[in-house]
Structures are given as C-alpha cells and as structure tokens.
C-alpha atoms as a PDB file:
ATOM      1  CA  UNK A   1     -31.736  43.366 -79.690  1.00  0.00           C
ATOM      2  CA  UNK A   2     -31.736  45.832 -76.808  1.00  0.00           C
ATOM      3  CA  UNK A   3     -34.572  47.833 -78.369  1.00  0.00           C
ATOM      4  CA  UNK A   4     -36.745  44.731 -78.574  1.00  0.00           C
ATOM      5  CA  UNK A   5     -35.852  43.797 -75.014  1.00  0.00           C
ATOM      6  CA  UNK A   6     -36.552  47.294 -73.738  1.00  0.00           C
ATOM      7  CA  UNK A   7     -39.892  47.318 -75.506  1.00  0.00           C
ATOM      8  CA  UNK A   8     -40.763  43.913 -74.079  1.00  0.00           C
ATOM      9  CA  UNK A   9     -39.762  44.806 -70.542  1.00  0.00           C
ATOM     10  CA  UNK A  10     -41.804  48.032 -70.595  1.00  0.00           C
ATOM     11  CA  UNK A  11     -44.870  46.113 -71.804  1.00  0.00           C
ATOM     12  CA  UNK A  12     -44.220  43.214 -69.402  1.00  0.00           C
ATOM     13  CA  UNK A  13     -44.278  45.632 -66.479  1.00  0.00           C
ATOM     14  CA  UNK A  14     -47.684  46.865 -67.613  1.00  0.00           C
ATOM     15  CA  UNK A  15     -48.959  43.282 -68.002  1.00  0.00           C
ATOM     16  CA  UNK A  16     -48.309  42.802 -64.290  1.00  0.00           C
ATOM     17  CA  UNK A  17     -50.824  45.541 -63.396  1.00  0.00           C
ATOM     18  CA  UNK A  18     -53.269  45.160 -66.290  1.00  0.00           C
ATOM     19  CA  UNK A  19     -55.783  43.434 -64.016  1.00  0.00           C
ATOM     20  CA  UNK A  20     -55.737  46.534 -61.789  1.00  0.00           C
ATOM     21  CA  UNK A  21     -56.116  48.852 -64.784  1.00  0.00           C
ATOM     22  CA  UNK A  22     -59.236  47.062 -66.062  1.00  0.00           C
ATOM     23  CA  UNK A  23     -60.627  45.789 -62.763  1.00  0.00           C
ATOM     24  CA  UNK A  24     -60.273  42.179 -63.959  1.00  0.00           C
ATOM     25  CA  UNK A  25     -58.413  39.176 -62.489  1.00  0.00           C
ATOM     26  CA  UNK A  26     -54.665  39.633 -62.913  1.00  0.00           C
ATOM     27  CA  UNK A  27     -54.193  36.058 -64.137  1.00  0.00           C
ATOM     28  CA  UNK A  28     -55.889  36.995 -67.418  1.00  0.00           C
ATOM     29  CA  UNK A  29     -52.881  39.148 -68.265  1.00  0.00           C
ATOM     30  CA  UNK A  30     -49.898  38.011 -66.196  1.00  0.00           C
ATOM     31  CA  UNK A  31     -50.007  34.546 -67.777  1.00  0.00           C
ATOM     32  CA  UNK A  32     -49.038  34.874 -71.450  1.00  0.00           C
ATOM     33  CA  UNK A  33     -50.753  31.556 -72.257  1.00  0.00           C
ATOM     34  CA  UNK A  34     -54.113  32.612 -70.835  1.00  0.00           C
ATOM     35  CA  UNK A  35     -56.821  32.501 -73.498  1.00  0.00           C
ATOM     36  CA  UNK A  36     -57.994  36.108 -73.272  1.00  0.00           C
ATOM     37  CA  UNK A  37     -59.968  35.671 -76.489  1.00  0.00           C
ATOM     38  CA  UNK A  38     -62.343  33.386 -74.546  1.00  0.00           C
ATOM     39  CA  UNK A  39     -63.108  35.853 -71.734  1.00  0.00           C
ATOM     40  CA  UNK A  40     -66.547  37.429 -72.173  1.00  0.00           C
ATOM     41  CA  UNK A  41     -65.697  40.716 -70.419  1.00  0.00           C
ATOM     42  CA  UNK A  42     -62.623  41.174 -72.613  1.00  0.00           C
ATOM     43  CA  UNK A  43     -64.538  40.336 -75.786  1.00  0.00           C
ATOM     44  CA  UNK A  44     -67.178  42.896 -74.823  1.00  0.00           C
ATOM     45  CA  UNK A  45     -64.524  45.571 -74.281  1.00  0.00           C
ATOM     46  CA  UNK A  46     -63.049  44.871 -77.717  1.00  0.00           C
ATOM     47  CA  UNK A  47     -66.469  44.538 -79.365  1.00  0.00           C
ATOM     48  CA  UNK A  48     -65.855  41.067 -80.766  1.00  0.00           C
ATOM     49  CA  UNK A  49     -67.828  37.834 -80.524  1.00  0.00           C
ATOM     50  CA  UNK A  50     -67.685  34.309 -81.862  1.00  0.00           C
ATOM     51  CA  UNK A  51     -70.085  35.391 -84.621  1.00  0.00           C
ATOM     52  CA  UNK A  52     -68.181  38.600 -85.330  1.00  0.00           C
ATOM     53  CA  UNK A  53     -64.503  38.020 -84.507  1.00  0.00           C
ATOM     54  CA  UNK A  54     -63.079  40.992 -86.483  1.00  0.00           C
ATOM     55  CA  UNK A  55     -61.358  43.560 -84.271  1.00  0.00           C
ATOM     56  CA  UNK A  56     -62.644  47.115 -84.558  1.00  0.00           C
ATOM     57  CA  UNK A  57     -60.638  50.267 -85.145  1.00  0.00           C
ATOM     58  CA  UNK A  58     -62.718  52.020 -82.484  1.00  0.00           C
ATOM     59  CA  UNK A  59     -63.665  49.357 -79.903  1.00  0.00           C
ATOM     60  CA  UNK A  60     -66.173  49.968 -77.061  1.00  0.00           C
ATOM     61  CA  UNK A  61     -63.431  50.101 -74.410  1.00  0.00           C
ATOM     62  CA  UNK A  62     -62.281  53.530 -75.647  1.00  0.00           C
ATOM     63  CA  UNK A  63     -65.733  55.155 -75.500  1.00  0.00           C
ATOM     64  CA  UNK A  64     -67.500  56.873 -72.634  1.00  0.00           C
ATOM     65  CA  UNK A  65     -69.298  54.198 -70.617  1.00  0.00           C
ATOM     66  CA  UNK A  66     -67.921  51.625 -73.095  1.00  0.00           C
ATOM     67  CA  UNK A  67     -70.848  52.458 -75.398  1.00  0.00           C
ATOM     68  CA  UNK A  68     -69.851  52.614 -79.055  1.00  0.00           C
ATOM     69  CA  UNK A  69     -70.806  55.781 -80.888  1.00  0.00           C
ATOM     70  CA  UNK A  70     -70.507  55.704 -84.672  1.00  0.00           C
ATOM     71  CA  UNK A  71     -70.115  59.505 -84.779  1.00  0.00           C
ATOM     72  CA  UNK A  72     -66.982  59.064 -82.567  1.00  0.00           C
ATOM     73  CA  UNK A  73     -68.195  61.985 -80.416  1.00  0.00           C
ATOM     74  CA  UNK A  74     -67.541  60.053 -77.205  1.00  0.00           C
ATOM     75  CA  UNK A  75     -64.291  58.415 -78.367  1.00  0.00           C
ATOM     76  CA  UNK A  76     -61.559  58.591 -75.663  1.00  0.00           C
ATOM     77  CA  UNK A  77     -64.369  59.192 -73.149  1.00  0.00           C
ATOM     78  CA  UNK A  78     -63.116  56.256 -71.075  1.00  0.00           C
ATOM     79  CA  UNK A  79     -60.134  58.435 -70.162  1.00  0.00           C
ATOM     80  CA  UNK A  80     -59.552  56.793 -66.763  1.00  0.00           C
ATOM     81  CA  UNK A  81     -58.078  53.733 -68.485  1.00  0.00           C
ATOM     82  CA  UNK A  82     -55.796  55.877 -70.633  1.00  0.00           C
ATOM     83  CA  UNK A  83     -54.665  57.790 -67.558  1.00  0.00           C
ATOM     84  CA  UNK A  84     -53.835  54.571 -65.697  1.00  0.00           C
ATOM     85  CA  UNK A  85     -51.756  53.256 -68.610  1.00  0.00           C
ATOM     86  CA  UNK A  86     -49.849  56.550 -68.894  1.00  0.00           C
ATOM     87  CA  UNK A  87     -49.389  56.783 -65.133  1.00  0.00           C
ATOM     88  CA  UNK A  88     -47.945  53.265 -64.957  1.00  0.00           C
ATOM     89  CA  UNK A  89     -45.695  53.829 -67.976  1.00  0.00           C
ATOM     90  CA  UNK A  90     -44.451  57.277 -66.925  1.00  0.00           C
ATOM     91  CA  UNK A  91     -44.295  56.981 -63.135  1.00  0.00           C
ATOM     92  CA  UNK A  92     -43.848  53.238 -62.703  1.00  0.00           C
ATOM     93  CA  UNK A  93     -46.433  50.547 -62.020  1.00  0.00           C
ATOM     94  CA  UNK A  94     -46.380  51.140 -58.261  1.00  0.00           C
ATOM     95  CA  UNK A  95     -47.787  54.642 -58.869  1.00  0.00           C
ATOM     96  CA  UNK A  96     -51.215  53.063 -59.449  1.00  0.00           C
ATOM     97  CA  UNK A  97     -51.354  52.241 -55.745  1.00  0.00           C
ATOM     98  CA  UNK A  98     -49.186  54.877 -54.082  1.00  0.00           C
ATOM     99  CA  UNK A  99     -47.676  58.297 -54.560  1.00  0.00           C
ATOM    100  CA  UNK A 100     -44.189  58.095 -56.051  1.00  0.00           C
ATOM    101  CA  UNK A 101     -41.609  59.974 -54.052  1.00  0.00           C
ATOM    102  CA  UNK A 102     -37.884  59.577 -54.461  1.00  0.00           C
ATOM    103  CA  UNK A 103     -36.698  56.223 -55.722  1.00  0.00           C
ATOM    104  CA  UNK A 104     -35.369  55.590 -59.207  1.00  0.00           C
ATOM    105  CA  UNK A 105     -35.802  58.252 -61.854  1.00  0.00           C
ATOM    106  CA  UNK A 106     -39.150  57.766 -63.552  1.00  0.00           C
ATOM    107  CA  UNK A 107     -39.676  57.851 -67.294  1.00  0.00           C
ATOM    108  CA  UNK A 108     -41.654  61.090 -66.829  1.00  0.00           C
ATOM    109  CA  UNK A 109     -38.602  62.782 -65.307  1.00  0.00           C
ATOM    110  CA  UNK A 110     -36.188  61.118 -67.701  1.00  0.00           C
ATOM    111  CA  UNK A 111     -38.078  62.495 -70.679  1.00  0.00           C
ATOM    112  CA  UNK A 112     -39.112  65.780 -69.033  1.00  0.00           C
ATOM    113  CA  UNK A 113     -42.712  64.865 -69.682  1.00  0.00           C
ATOM    114  CA  UNK A 114     -45.188  67.137 -67.895  1.00  0.00           C
ATOM    115  CA  UNK A 115     -48.443  66.965 -69.830  1.00  0.00           C
ATOM    116  CA  UNK A 116     -50.133  64.692 -72.314  1.00  0.00           C
ATOM    117  CA  UNK A 117     -49.858  65.099 -76.070  1.00  0.00           C
ATOM    118  CA  UNK A 118     -51.877  63.630 -78.957  1.00  0.00           C
ATOM    119  CA  UNK A 119     -49.152  61.034 -79.455  1.00  0.00           C
ATOM    120  CA  UNK A 120     -49.134  59.921 -75.823  1.00  0.00           C
ATOM    121  CA  UNK A 121     -52.940  59.578 -75.633  1.00  0.00           C
ATOM    122  CA  UNK A 122     -52.960  57.640 -78.923  1.00  0.00           C
ATOM    123  CA  UNK A 123     -50.157  55.418 -77.585  1.00  0.00           C
ATOM    124  CA  UNK A 124     -52.127  54.714 -74.393  1.00  0.00           C
ATOM    125  CA  UNK A 125     -55.242  53.834 -76.430  1.00  0.00           C
ATOM    126  CA  UNK A 126     -53.234  51.351 -78.515  1.00  0.00           C
ATOM    127  CA  UNK A 127     -51.715  49.831 -75.369  1.00  0.00           C
ATOM    128  CA  UNK A 128     -55.220  49.382 -73.895  1.00  0.00           C
ATOM    129  CA  UNK A 129     -56.187  47.348 -76.974  1.00  0.00           C
ATOM    130  CA  UNK A 130     -52.908  45.421 -77.015  1.00  0.00           C
ATOM    131  CA  UNK A 131     -53.234  44.444 -73.336  1.00  0.00           C
ATOM    132  CA  UNK A 132     -56.754  43.120 -73.934  1.00  0.00           C
ATOM    133  CA  UNK A 133     -55.843  41.332 -77.167  1.00  0.00           C
ATOM    134  CA  UNK A 134     -54.611  37.732 -77.437  1.00  0.00           C
ATOM    135  CA  UNK A 135     -51.196  39.072 -78.542  1.00  0.00           C
ATOM    136  CA  UNK A 136     -48.244  38.618 -76.221  1.00  0.00           C
ATOM    137  CA  UNK A 137     -45.678  40.864 -77.907  1.00  0.00           C
ATOM    138  CA  UNK A 138     -45.347  43.765 -80.273  1.00  0.00           C
ATOM    139  CA  UNK A 139     -43.864  42.773 -83.586  1.00  0.00           C
ATOM    140  CA  UNK A 140     -41.779  45.107 -85.682  1.00  0.00           C
ATOM    141  CA  UNK A 141     -44.347  44.923 -88.456  1.00  0.00           C
ATOM    142  CA  UNK A 142     -46.884  46.554 -86.155  1.00  0.00           C
ATOM    143  CA  UNK A 143     -49.259  43.624 -86.724  1.00  0.00           C
ATOM    144  CA  UNK A 144     -50.573  41.462 -83.894  1.00  0.00           C
ATOM    145  CA  UNK A 145     -49.319  37.911 -84.258  1.00  0.00           C
ATOM    146  CA  UNK A 146     -52.513  36.266 -82.969  1.00  0.00           C
ATOM    147  CA  UNK A 147     -55.054  39.028 -83.588  1.00  0.00           C
ATOM    148  CA  UNK A 148     -53.773  40.472 -86.892  1.00  0.00           C
ATOM    149  CA  UNK A 149     -54.621  43.885 -85.405  1.00  0.00           C
ATOM    150  CA  UNK A 150     -52.615  46.577 -87.195  1.00  0.00           C
ATOM    151  CA  UNK A 151     -51.405  48.527 -84.160  1.00  0.00           C
ATOM    152  CA  UNK A 152     -49.463  50.989 -86.250  1.00  0.00           C
ATOM    153  CA  UNK A 153     -52.609  51.948 -88.173  1.00  0.00           C
ATOM    154  CA  UNK A 154     -54.589  52.263 -84.947  1.00  0.00           C
ATOM    155  CA  UNK A 155     -51.967  54.637 -83.554  1.00  0.00           C
ATOM    156  CA  UNK A 156     -52.166  56.914 -86.600  1.00  0.00           C
ATOM    157  CA  UNK A 157     -55.999  56.792 -86.672  1.00  0.00           C
ATOM    158  CA  UNK A 158     -56.186  57.818 -83.007  1.00  0.00           C
ATOM    159  CA  UNK A 159     -53.533  60.491 -83.268  1.00  0.00           C
ATOM    160  CA  UNK A 160     -55.187  61.989 -86.347  1.00  0.00           C
ATOM    161  CA  UNK A 161     -58.591  62.064 -84.620  1.00  0.00           C
ATOM    162  CA  UNK A 162     -57.052  63.739 -81.562  1.00  0.00           C
ATOM    163  CA  UNK A 163     -55.245  66.334 -83.659  1.00  0.00           C
ATOM    164  CA  UNK A 164     -58.469  67.144 -85.521  1.00  0.00           C
ATOM    165  CA  UNK A 165     -60.486  67.555 -82.303  1.00  0.00           C
ATOM    166  CA  UNK A 166     -57.701  68.774 -79.984  1.00  0.00           C
ATOM    167  CA  UNK A 167     -59.166  72.220 -79.327  1.00  0.00           C
ATOM    168  CA  UNK A 168     -62.734  71.007 -78.792  1.00  0.00           C
ATOM    169  CA  UNK A 169     -64.119  71.468 -75.300  1.00  0.00           C
ATOM    170  CA  UNK A 170     -64.706  67.724 -74.933  1.00  0.00           C
ATOM    171  CA  UNK A 171     -61.141  66.689 -75.766  1.00  0.00           C
ATOM    172  CA  UNK A 172     -59.717  69.543 -73.663  1.00  0.00           C
ATOM    173  CA  UNK A 173     -61.749  68.267 -70.690  1.00  0.00           C
ATOM    174  CA  UNK A 174     -60.363  64.765 -71.259  1.00  0.00           C
ATOM    175  CA  UNK A 175     -56.824  66.189 -71.458  1.00  0.00           C
ATOM    176  CA  UNK A 176     -57.303  68.085 -68.195  1.00  0.00           C
ATOM    177  CA  UNK A 177     -58.670  64.970 -66.488  1.00  0.00           C
ATOM    178  CA  UNK A 178     -55.737  62.837 -67.674  1.00  0.00           C
ATOM    179  CA  UNK A 179     -53.189  65.514 -66.717  1.00  0.00           C
ATOM    180  CA  UNK A 180     -54.754  65.756 -63.254  1.00  0.00           C
ATOM    181  CA  UNK A 181     -54.618  61.986 -62.820  1.00  0.00           C
ATOM    182  CA  UNK A 182     -51.128  61.452 -64.263  1.00  0.00           C
ATOM    183  CA  UNK A 183     -49.291  64.630 -63.259  1.00  0.00           C
ATOM    184  CA  UNK A 184     -51.449  66.057 -60.469  1.00  0.00           C
ATOM    185  CA  UNK A 185     -52.193  69.241 -62.406  1.00  0.00           C
ATOM    186  CA  UNK A 186     -55.111  69.937 -64.701  1.00  0.00           C
ATOM    187  CA  UNK A 187     -53.214  71.597 -67.509  1.00  0.00           C
ATOM    188  CA  UNK A 188     -55.057  72.151 -70.743  1.00  0.00           C
ATOM    189  CA  UNK A 189     -53.298  72.643 -74.041  1.00  0.00           C
ATOM    190  CA  UNK A 190     -55.188  75.638 -75.305  1.00  0.00           C
ATOM    191  CA  UNK A 191     -52.333  76.584 -77.592  1.00  0.00           C
ATOM    192  CA  UNK A 192     -52.908  73.420 -79.577  1.00  0.00           C
ATOM    193  CA  UNK A 193     -50.647  70.420 -79.890  1.00  0.00           C
ATOM    194  CA  UNK A 194     -48.406  71.570 -82.736  1.00  0.00           C
ATOM    195  CA  UNK A 195     -45.490  72.649 -80.578  1.00  0.00           C
ATOM    196  CA  UNK A 196     -45.440  69.373 -78.693  1.00  0.00           C
ATOM    197  CA  UNK A 197     -45.587  66.979 -81.594  1.00  0.00           C
ATOM    198  CA  UNK A 198     -41.864  66.340 -82.018  1.00  0.00           C
ATOM    199  CA  UNK A 199     -41.582  65.878 -78.299  1.00  0.00           C
ATOM    200  CA  UNK A 200     -44.455  63.417 -78.387  1.00  0.00           C
ATOM    201  CA  UNK A 201     -42.891  61.251 -81.090  1.00  0.00           C
ATOM    202  CA  UNK A 202     -39.679  61.274 -79.039  1.00  0.00           C
ATOM    203  CA  UNK A 203     -41.613  59.896 -76.075  1.00  0.00           C
ATOM    204  CA  UNK A 204     -43.178  57.215 -78.238  1.00  0.00           C
ATOM    205  CA  UNK A 205     -39.738  56.212 -79.450  1.00  0.00           C
ATOM    206  CA  UNK A 206     -38.339  56.201 -75.952  1.00  0.00           C
ATOM    207  CA  UNK A 207     -41.173  53.976 -74.792  1.00  0.00           C
ATOM    208  CA  UNK A 208     -40.044  51.470 -77.437  1.00  0.00           C
ATOM    209  CA  UNK A 209     -43.568  50.345 -78.054  1.00  0.00           C
ATOM    210  CA  UNK A 210     -44.694  51.371 -81.491  1.00  0.00           C
ATOM    211  CA  UNK A 211     -41.934  52.993 -83.466  1.00  0.00           C
ATOM    212  CA  UNK A 212     -41.123  49.765 -85.231  1.00  0.00           C
ATOM    213  CA  UNK A 213     -39.088  51.436 -87.962  1.00  0.00           C
ATOM    214  CA  UNK A 214     -36.378  52.463 -85.536  1.00  0.00           C
ATOM    215  CA  UNK A 215     -35.590  48.805 -84.848  1.00  0.00           C
ATOM    216  CA  UNK A 216     -32.633  47.170 -86.549  1.00  0.00           C
ATOM    217  CA  UNK A 217     -33.251  45.699 -89.974  1.00  0.00           C
ATOM    218  CA  UNK A 218     -32.743  42.162 -88.686  1.00  0.00           C
ATOM    219  CA  UNK A 219     -35.846  40.155 -87.883  1.00  0.00           C
ATOM    220  CA  UNK A 220     -33.966  37.669 -85.790  1.00  0.00           C
ATOM    221  CA  UNK A 221     -34.035  39.777 -82.638  1.00  0.00           C
ATOM    222  CA  UNK A 222     -37.677  39.354 -81.848  1.00  0.00           C
END
C-alpha cells in the first residue's frame, strides 16, 4: 500500500503546480474531476480531437514549438517542460518559483542525482502526457484508466529513442539545457548513457511512478 501512496503523493504534488508548468489555469489539474479532455489547449498539446480521439505515441507537446515532426528529429525539443517536471520532482514543487536552500532533503540529494539520464528524461515526458491526460492516477498495469494510454510502452519508446540518439548534437544540447535548468550546471554526457542506466532505473523506482512491477501482487491497494 505504501508504494501506491508514495506514488500518488509524488504525482499529487506535481498536479498542484501543473498549471504553472504548462502556463494554463491551475484548476484544470488541481481538481481531479475537471474535464481536461474538453479543453482545447490540452487537446492540441496531445494532438487529439473529437474526430480523432486516439492518443499519439509522440504528441505535439513533446516537439520543438509543439509542431509534430514525423521524422522525430525535433522530438524532446520542448525541453523546458521536461526540465520543469524534473525540477519539481527532484527539488520540490517550490523550486519552480524560488531557489531551494536548506529545508528538507530533496529527492535529488536523497538519490545523489546530479545530471539527467535517458530514463529520467523519458520519465518526465511520460509525466507531461499523464498530467495533460484525463487520467487521475497511475495504475499498476501501466494503462490509463480513462485514456487507455499505455504509459509503460510510452516510457520504453522514449527511452529507446533517447538511447539511440544520445550522442547526437541535438540531444546533447537538450541534455545540457535541462541540466542547466534543473541542476544549475550545463553538463553533457559525452561518455554516453551506458554507465548511468542502472542508476536511472533506480531513480525511476524511487519516484514510484512507473515501475509497476515492483508493486505488491495485490490489486486491492490502488
């Protein structure tokens, strides 16, 4: 039960600042009953419409300038959103508005997390989609209850794409930008992500957001 609760509380904290992350009214996200599926701006970000309600694996919100590119060359180009999600998750939601000094130990310090990894960027991309979706909680199956989005699949698609392109100049620039925004230092990962992968999956587990398999076998706990 505690894993489910921890996962929920981490996501709930993000829901409180989702309006700030996307530059949209906070009530869209803070109220779990709000019909996000009816909001035009949100539908545009997810690339869905009444005529075409199927959610995309690579929605506009993750591309540079929110312009879809079928070649995926500009995927993850909207890095500011990813950086805000990671900043809020690693340094606490107040870090979006102020520098964090002192206070309780942040997740970044707890997990000795100093630069982004393929897993953490993929996690942030999935969280962006989850926060915009009509879903109100992560299920152990990895499927969205209202949206039927397969979040687990999205995570692996994004991580695989990042691993494939990790050493490209474009992805390295995105990494540096996110590191600058989240950690205050523009580290690149020229050595490639291989050495960080175990660490990254550990972070994902600790964030209790997507590693559904580590939950207890019982479905009764949420």
